[in-house]
Amino acid sequence: MSRKEVFAVAQMGPVHLADSKQATVARLIEMLREAHARGARWVTFPELALTTFFPRYVYDDPADYDRFYEEGLPSPAMVPLFEVAKDLGVGFYLGYAEKVVEGGETRRFNTSVLVGPDGAILGKYRKIHLPGTKDPIGDPEFEHLEKRYFEVGNLGFPSFATPSGRFGMCICNDRRWPETFRTMALRGAEVFMLGYNTPTRNIHHPEPAHLREFHNRLSLESAAYQNGAWVMAAAKCGSEDGFAMIGGSAIVAPTGETAAKCMSEEDEVITVDCDLDLGAYIRRSVFDFARHRRPEHYGPITAQVGVEIPE
């Protein structure tokens, strides 16, 4: 018996340093309305969707960079989006920079929130695999300083109960690590939602630009197939004040096939009528975890960080 629902991915074009959050949220609302008009019940928005990708800039004083963060859930900037989504009965994933006081300490995370069609907050995720560096590398054309502005997430990789099934969330660089998706799948996730802001330039190696898009697609398709789950991946892309990021937002089926893909580097909505039971045969055959996994042999995955050569 199939469980079909329409899911949408809402890709964003550039958000420039001078753009207001109010104007940016208005763009999100416009895409939410478009998705709803196509019958979507869920929308995935990008990572850090309310601002430019500010970790490319060097700031030393929190007074200079706190403007990029949200406090409270929903924050004042988010309220119009929350209200329209509830009125339309559309759930969504939204990436944002989170500033919160926990245990009397101010903390900052790269975060996403999952909101149900009734407006209820179903869960929150904080990015674990932070790329880039803490200190500037001194390249005037490229800095990637997520480790400077965010702590490593402390909520793990949970799955969340929704009216449509169990969903998991991750953010950007998390998608490159297979442990991300396997952990969520072991917790019953049937849908993976993720947003990303990925530069066209690799900070570590001068690889051809086309590989950035290829590796993005490869990570999404393999995650879908190896876990029998749908993947909803939303980019913020294009040239933000001269700093280019890849697009390629996509909806990937549990078979590993890309069911829909954005064609532009602008605001663009894609939708698919997703059968959430499509991956059931994968989860009961090749990737039947209960029958085939052998965790007694996977110790190095959690016991060590880097490569260790046995003597």
Protein backbone atom coordinates (compact mmCIF):
# COMPACT_ATOMS: atom_id res chain seq x y z
CA MET A 1 0.00 0.00 0.00
CA SER A 2 1.55 3.30 -1.07
CA ARG A 3 1.72 6.44 1.05
CA LYS A 4 1.90 9.28 -1.44
CA GLU A 5 2.42 12.93 -0.56
CA VAL A 6 3.79 15.87 -2.49
CA PHE A 7 7.13 17.17 -1.22
CA ALA A 8 8.81 20.37 -2.38
CA VAL A 9 12.37 21.65 -2.38
CA ALA A 10 12.71 25.44 -2.46
CA GLN A 11 16.08 26.51 -3.81
CA MET A 12 17.22 30.07 -3.16
CA GLY A 13 19.27 32.30 -5.38
CA PRO A 14 21.83 34.66 -3.81
CA VAL A 15 21.16 36.47 -0.55
CA HIS A 16 23.51 39.43 -0.49
CA LEU A 17 25.12 41.05 2.51
CA ALA A 18 22.91 44.12 2.12
CA ASP A 19 19.64 42.15 1.83
CA SER A 20 17.27 42.46 4.79
CA LYS A 21 15.86 39.43 6.57
CA GLN A 22 12.39 40.80 5.91
CA ALA A 23 12.95 40.77 2.15
CA THR A 24 14.54 37.31 2.31
CA VAL A 25 11.66 35.84 4.32
CA ALA A 26 9.25 37.33 1.76
CA ARG A 27 11.04 35.25 -0.90
CA LEU A 28 10.64 32.12 1.23
CA ILE A 29 6.94 32.83 1.66
CA GLU A 30 6.48 33.28 -2.08
CA MET A 31 8.06 29.88 -2.73
CA LEU A 32 6.01 28.32 0.09
CA ARG A 33 2.85 29.57 -1.61
CA GLU A 34 4.00 28.19 -4.95
CA ALA A 35 4.71 24.80 -3.37
CA HIS A 36 1.29 24.80 -1.72
CA ALA A 37 -0.36 25.62 -5.04
CA ARG A 38 1.24 22.48 -6.45
CA GLY A 39 -0.17 20.40 -3.60
CA ALA A 40 2.96 20.16 -1.45
CA ARG A 41 2.55 19.30 2.20
CA TRP A 42 6.25 19.69 3.06
CA VAL A 43 8.90 22.15 1.88
CA THR A 44 12.66 21.99 2.40
CA PHE A 45 14.47 25.34 2.48
CA PRO A 46 18.30 25.82 2.42
CA GLU A 47 20.96 26.07 5.09
CA LEU A 48 21.34 29.58 6.59
CA ALA A 49 18.31 30.60 4.56
CA LEU A 50 17.74 33.98 6.21
CA THR A 51 21.12 35.58 5.50
CA THR A 52 24.08 35.56 3.18
CA PHE A 53 26.67 32.87 3.90
CA PHE A 54 28.41 35.04 6.46
CA PRO A 55 31.18 32.55 7.46
CA ARG A 56 33.05 33.73 4.35
CA TYR A 57 33.75 37.01 6.17
CA VAL A 58 36.19 37.68 9.02
CA TYR A 59 34.67 39.20 12.15
CA ASP A 60 36.30 39.42 15.56
CA ASP A 61 33.59 41.06 17.67
CA PRO A 62 30.21 39.38 18.31
CA ALA A 63 28.68 42.84 18.04
CA ASP A 64 29.58 42.70 14.34
CA TYR A 65 28.23 39.24 13.55
CA ASP A 66 25.34 38.65 15.96
CA ARG A 67 23.00 40.26 13.44
CA PHE A 68 23.17 37.07 11.40
CA TYR A 69 21.81 34.90 14.23
CA GLU A 70 18.26 34.15 15.34
CA GLU A 71 17.14 34.12 18.96
CA GLY A 72 13.97 32.31 19.94
CA LEU A 73 11.93 29.89 17.85
CA PRO A 74 10.34 31.33 15.92
CA SER A 75 12.58 34.38 15.96
CA PRO A 76 10.98 37.71 15.05
CA ALA A 77 12.26 37.36 11.47
CA MET A 78 10.74 33.89 11.13
CA VAL A 79 7.25 34.73 12.42
CA PRO A 80 5.69 35.65 9.04
CA LEU A 81 6.89 32.37 7.50
CA PHE A 82 5.56 30.35 10.44
CA GLU A 83 2.20 32.10 10.22
CA VAL A 84 1.72 31.61 6.47
CA ALA A 85 2.85 27.98 6.64
CA LYS A 86 0.35 27.23 9.41
CA ASP A 87 -2.47 28.98 7.53
CA LEU A 88 -1.70 26.90 4.42
CA GLY A 89 -1.15 23.66 6.33
CA VAL A 90 2.37 23.17 4.96
CA GLY A 91 5.25 21.80 7.03
CA PHE A 92 8.83 22.85 6.41
CA TYR A 93 12.54 22.49 7.15
CA LEU A 94 14.43 25.76 7.61
CA GLY A 95 18.17 26.32 8.13
CA TYR A 96 19.33 29.27 10.20
CA ALA A 97 22.10 30.55 12.49
CA GLU A 98 21.05 29.98 16.10
CA LYS A 99 22.12 31.97 19.15
CA VAL A 100 20.93 30.52 22.42
CA VAL A 101 21.73 30.68 26.13
CA GLU A 102 22.15 27.22 27.67
CA GLY A 103 23.42 26.63 31.17
CA GLY A 104 24.06 30.34 31.52
CA GLU A 105 26.39 30.32 28.49
CA THR A 106 25.83 31.93 25.10
CA ARG A 107 26.20 29.38 22.33
CA ARG A 108 25.97 29.56 18.55
CA PHE A 109 25.04 26.75 16.17
CA ASN A 110 24.30 26.15 12.49
CA THR A 111 20.78 24.83 12.97
CA SER A 112 17.69 23.57 11.20
CA VAL A 113 14.14 23.31 12.49
CA LEU A 114 11.33 20.99 11.40
CA VAL A 115 7.85 22.50 11.63
CA GLY A 116 4.69 20.48 11.09
CA PRO A 117 1.74 21.40 8.85
CA ASP A 118 -0.13 22.53 11.97
CA GLY A 119 2.63 24.96 12.92
CA ALA A 120 4.03 22.78 15.74
CA ILE A 121 7.81 22.60 16.13
CA LEU A 122 8.63 18.91 15.69
CA GLY A 123 12.37 19.02 16.21
CA LYS A 124 15.67 20.78 15.83
CA TYR A 125 19.07 19.71 14.52
CA ARG A 126 22.48 21.34 14.96
CA LYS A 127 25.15 20.78 12.31
CA ILE A 128 27.84 18.32 13.39
CA HIS A 129 30.33 18.16 10.51
CA LEU A 130 31.58 21.75 10.39
CA PRO A 131 33.89 22.36 7.40
CA GLY A 132 36.55 25.00 6.90
CA THR A 133 38.74 26.59 9.55
CA LYS A 134 38.49 28.64 12.72
CA ASP A 135 41.23 31.08 11.77
CA PRO A 136 41.43 32.88 8.40
CA ILE A 137 43.66 31.35 5.75
CA GLY A 138 44.49 34.80 4.40
CA ASP A 139 42.92 34.35 0.98
CA PRO A 140 41.00 37.56 0.14
CA GLU A 141 38.81 35.67 -2.33
CA PHE A 142 37.92 32.74 -0.12
CA GLU A 143 37.38 32.13 3.56
CA HIS A 144 35.24 29.37 5.03
CA LEU A 145 35.07 29.98 8.78
CA GLU A 146 32.23 27.86 10.11
CA LYS A 147 34.43 26.65 12.95
CA ARG A 148 34.89 30.29 13.95
CA TYR A 149 31.19 31.08 14.24
CA PHE A 150 29.56 27.77 15.21
CA GLU A 151 30.03 25.03 17.78
CA VAL A 152 29.77 21.38 16.79
CA GLY A 153 26.14 20.33 17.12
CA ASN A 154 25.16 18.58 20.34
CA LEU A 155 21.82 16.98 19.42
CA GLY A 156 23.09 13.96 17.48
CA PHE A 157 21.25 12.62 14.41
CA PRO A 158 17.71 11.92 15.65
CA SER A 159 14.62 11.09 13.66
CA PHE A 160 11.37 12.96 14.18
CA ALA A 161 7.78 11.73 14.20
CA THR A 162 5.60 13.64 11.74
CA PRO A 163 2.04 13.14 10.42
CA SER A 164 3.65 11.64 7.31
CA GLY A 165 6.23 9.31 8.89
CA ARG A 166 9.67 9.68 10.42
CA PHE A 167 12.00 12.37 9.06
CA GLY A 168 15.67 13.08 9.65
CA MET A 169 17.58 16.35 9.25
CA CYS A 170 21.16 17.25 8.45
CA ILE A 171 22.99 20.25 7.01
CA CYS A 172 25.39 20.74 4.09
CA ASN A 173 28.73 19.04 4.84
CA ASP A 174 26.92 16.38 6.88
CA ARG A 175 25.74 14.92 3.56
CA ARG A 176 29.29 13.88 2.65
CA TRP A 177 29.54 11.53 5.64
CA PRO A 178 27.65 8.22 5.28
CA GLU A 179 27.43 7.87 9.06
CA THR A 180 25.00 10.81 9.01
CA PHE A 181 22.33 9.03 7.02
CA ARG A 182 22.86 5.53 8.41
CA THR A 183 22.37 6.81 11.95
CA MET A 184 19.09 8.51 11.01
CA ALA A 185 17.95 5.42 9.08
CA LEU A 186 18.66 3.20 12.07
CA ARG A 187 16.28 5.47 13.94
CA GLY A 188 13.57 4.88 11.38
CA ALA A 189 13.90 7.94 9.14
CA GLU A 190 12.18 7.52 5.76
CA VAL A 191 12.87 11.05 4.55
CA PHE A 192 16.12 13.02 4.87
CA MET A 193 15.83 16.81 4.66
CA LEU A 194 18.92 18.94 4.20
CA GLY A 195 19.96 22.40 3.12
CA TYR A 196 23.35 23.49 1.86
CA ASN A 197 25.49 26.51 0.91
CA THR A 198 28.40 24.98 -1.03
CA PRO A 199 31.11 27.17 -2.64
CA THR A 200 32.09 26.35 -6.20
CA ARG A 201 35.70 26.48 -5.04
CA ASN A 202 37.28 23.77 -2.92
CA ILE A 203 39.34 25.31 -0.12
CA HIS A 204 41.53 22.20 0.13
CA HIS A 205 42.35 21.34 -3.48
CA PRO A 206 42.10 23.10 -6.87
CA GLU A 207 39.62 20.64 -8.38
CA PRO A 208 37.47 21.41 -11.44
CA ALA A 209 34.26 23.23 -10.57
CA HIS A 210 32.07 20.53 -12.13
CA LEU A 211 33.23 18.05 -9.50
CA ARG A 212 31.52 20.09 -6.78
CA GLU A 213 28.15 19.46 -8.39
CA PHE A 214 29.00 15.82 -9.18
CA HIS A 215 30.04 15.07 -5.59
CA ASN A 216 26.89 16.73 -4.30
CA ARG A 217 24.70 14.54 -6.49
CA LEU A 218 26.75 11.45 -5.65
CA SER A 219 26.29 11.95 -1.91
CA LEU A 220 22.54 12.46 -2.25
CA GLU A 221 21.92 9.48 -4.50
CA SER A 222 24.04 7.07 -2.50
CA ALA A 223 22.43 8.17 0.77
CA ALA A 224 18.97 7.57 -0.68
CA TYR A 225 19.73 4.11 -2.06
CA GLN A 226 21.83 2.79 0.81
CA ASN A 227 19.10 3.68 3.30
CA GLY A 228 15.95 3.19 1.22
CA ALA A 229 14.86 6.75 1.93
CA TRP A 230 13.81 9.92 0.12
CA VAL A 231 16.27 12.84 0.10
CA MET A 232 15.14 16.48 -0.07
CA ALA A 233 18.16 18.73 -0.74
CA ALA A 234 17.87 22.51 -1.02
CA ALA A 235 20.70 24.82 -2.04
CA LYS A 236 21.28 28.51 -1.56
CA CYS A 237 23.29 29.17 -4.68
CA GLY A 238 24.55 31.58 -7.28
CA SER A 239 26.89 34.51 -6.75
CA GLU A 240 26.51 36.26 -3.41
CA ASP A 241 28.41 39.53 -3.73
CA GLY A 242 30.83 37.80 -6.08
CA PHE A 243 31.19 34.55 -4.08
CA ALA A 244 29.76 31.67 -6.12
CA MET A 245 27.92 28.62 -4.74
CA ILE A 246 26.62 25.53 -6.52
CA GLY A 247 22.95 24.80 -7.16
CA GLY A 248 21.73 21.33 -8.04
CA SER A 249 18.89 21.20 -5.52
CA ALA A 250 17.15 17.86 -5.91
CA ILE A 251 14.60 15.35 -4.74
CA VAL A 252 16.09 11.85 -4.82
CA ALA A 253 14.06 8.65 -4.60
CA PRO A 254 14.94 5.66 -2.39
CA THR A 255 16.08 3.87 -5.55
CA GLY A 256 18.93 6.39 -5.83
CA GLU A 257 17.31 8.03 -8.87
CA THR A 258 17.00 11.80 -9.01
CA ALA A 259 13.27 12.44 -9.38
CA ALA A 260 13.53 16.22 -9.81
CA LYS A 261 16.35 18.73 -10.02
CA CYS A 262 16.56 22.51 -10.14
CA MET A 263 17.86 23.93 -13.40
CA SER A 264 18.79 27.45 -12.32
CA GLU A 265 20.82 29.31 -9.71
CA GLU A 266 17.81 31.40 -8.67
CA ASP A 267 14.74 30.95 -6.48
CA GLU A 268 13.13 27.79 -7.85
CA VAL A 269 10.61 25.27 -6.54
CA ILE A 270 10.56 21.59 -7.52
CA THR A 271 7.93 19.08 -6.42
CA VAL A 272 7.45 15.32 -6.56
CA ASP A 273 4.51 13.16 -5.55
CA CYS A 274 6.58 10.89 -3.31
CA ASP A 275 5.58 7.34 -2.44
CA LEU A 276 7.04 6.95 1.04
CA ASP A 277 6.81 3.18 0.72
CA LEU A 278 8.88 3.07 -2.48
CA GLY A 279 12.03 2.11 -0.56
CA ALA A 280 10.36 -0.64 1.47
CA TYR A 281 11.69 -3.39 -0.79
CA ILE A 282 15.22 -2.01 -0.40
CA ARG A 283 14.87 -1.94 3.38
CA ARG A 284 13.71 -5.55 3.45
CA SER A 285 16.24 -6.96 0.96
CA VAL A 286 19.72 -5.60 0.20
CA PHE A 287 19.66 -3.16 3.13
CA ASP A 288 17.65 -5.14 5.64
CA PHE A 289 19.59 -3.82 8.63
CA ALA A 290 18.30 -6.37 11.14
CA ARG A 291 19.39 -9.34 8.99
CA HIS A 292 22.60 -8.13 7.39
CA ARG A 293 24.37 -5.51 9.49
CA ARG A 294 27.40 -6.69 11.50
CA PRO A 295 28.13 -3.90 14.02
CA GLU A 296 30.63 -6.11 15.86
CA HIS A 297 32.99 -5.40 12.94
CA TYR A 298 32.35 -1.65 12.68
CA GLY A 299 34.30 -0.61 15.78
CA PRO A 300 36.76 1.74 14.05
CA ILE A 301 33.87 3.91 12.81
CA THR A 302 33.13 5.12 16.34
CA ALA A 303 36.37 4.27 18.16
CA GLN A 304 38.76 6.40 16.11
CA VAL A 305 38.75 9.67 14.18
CA GLY A 306 41.70 9.46 11.77
CA VAL A 307 43.33 6.57 9.94
CA GLU A 308 45.21 4.10 12.13
CA ILE A 309 47.27 1.41 10.39
CA PRO A 310 47.34 -1.89 12.29
CA GLU A 311 50.82 -3.16 13.11
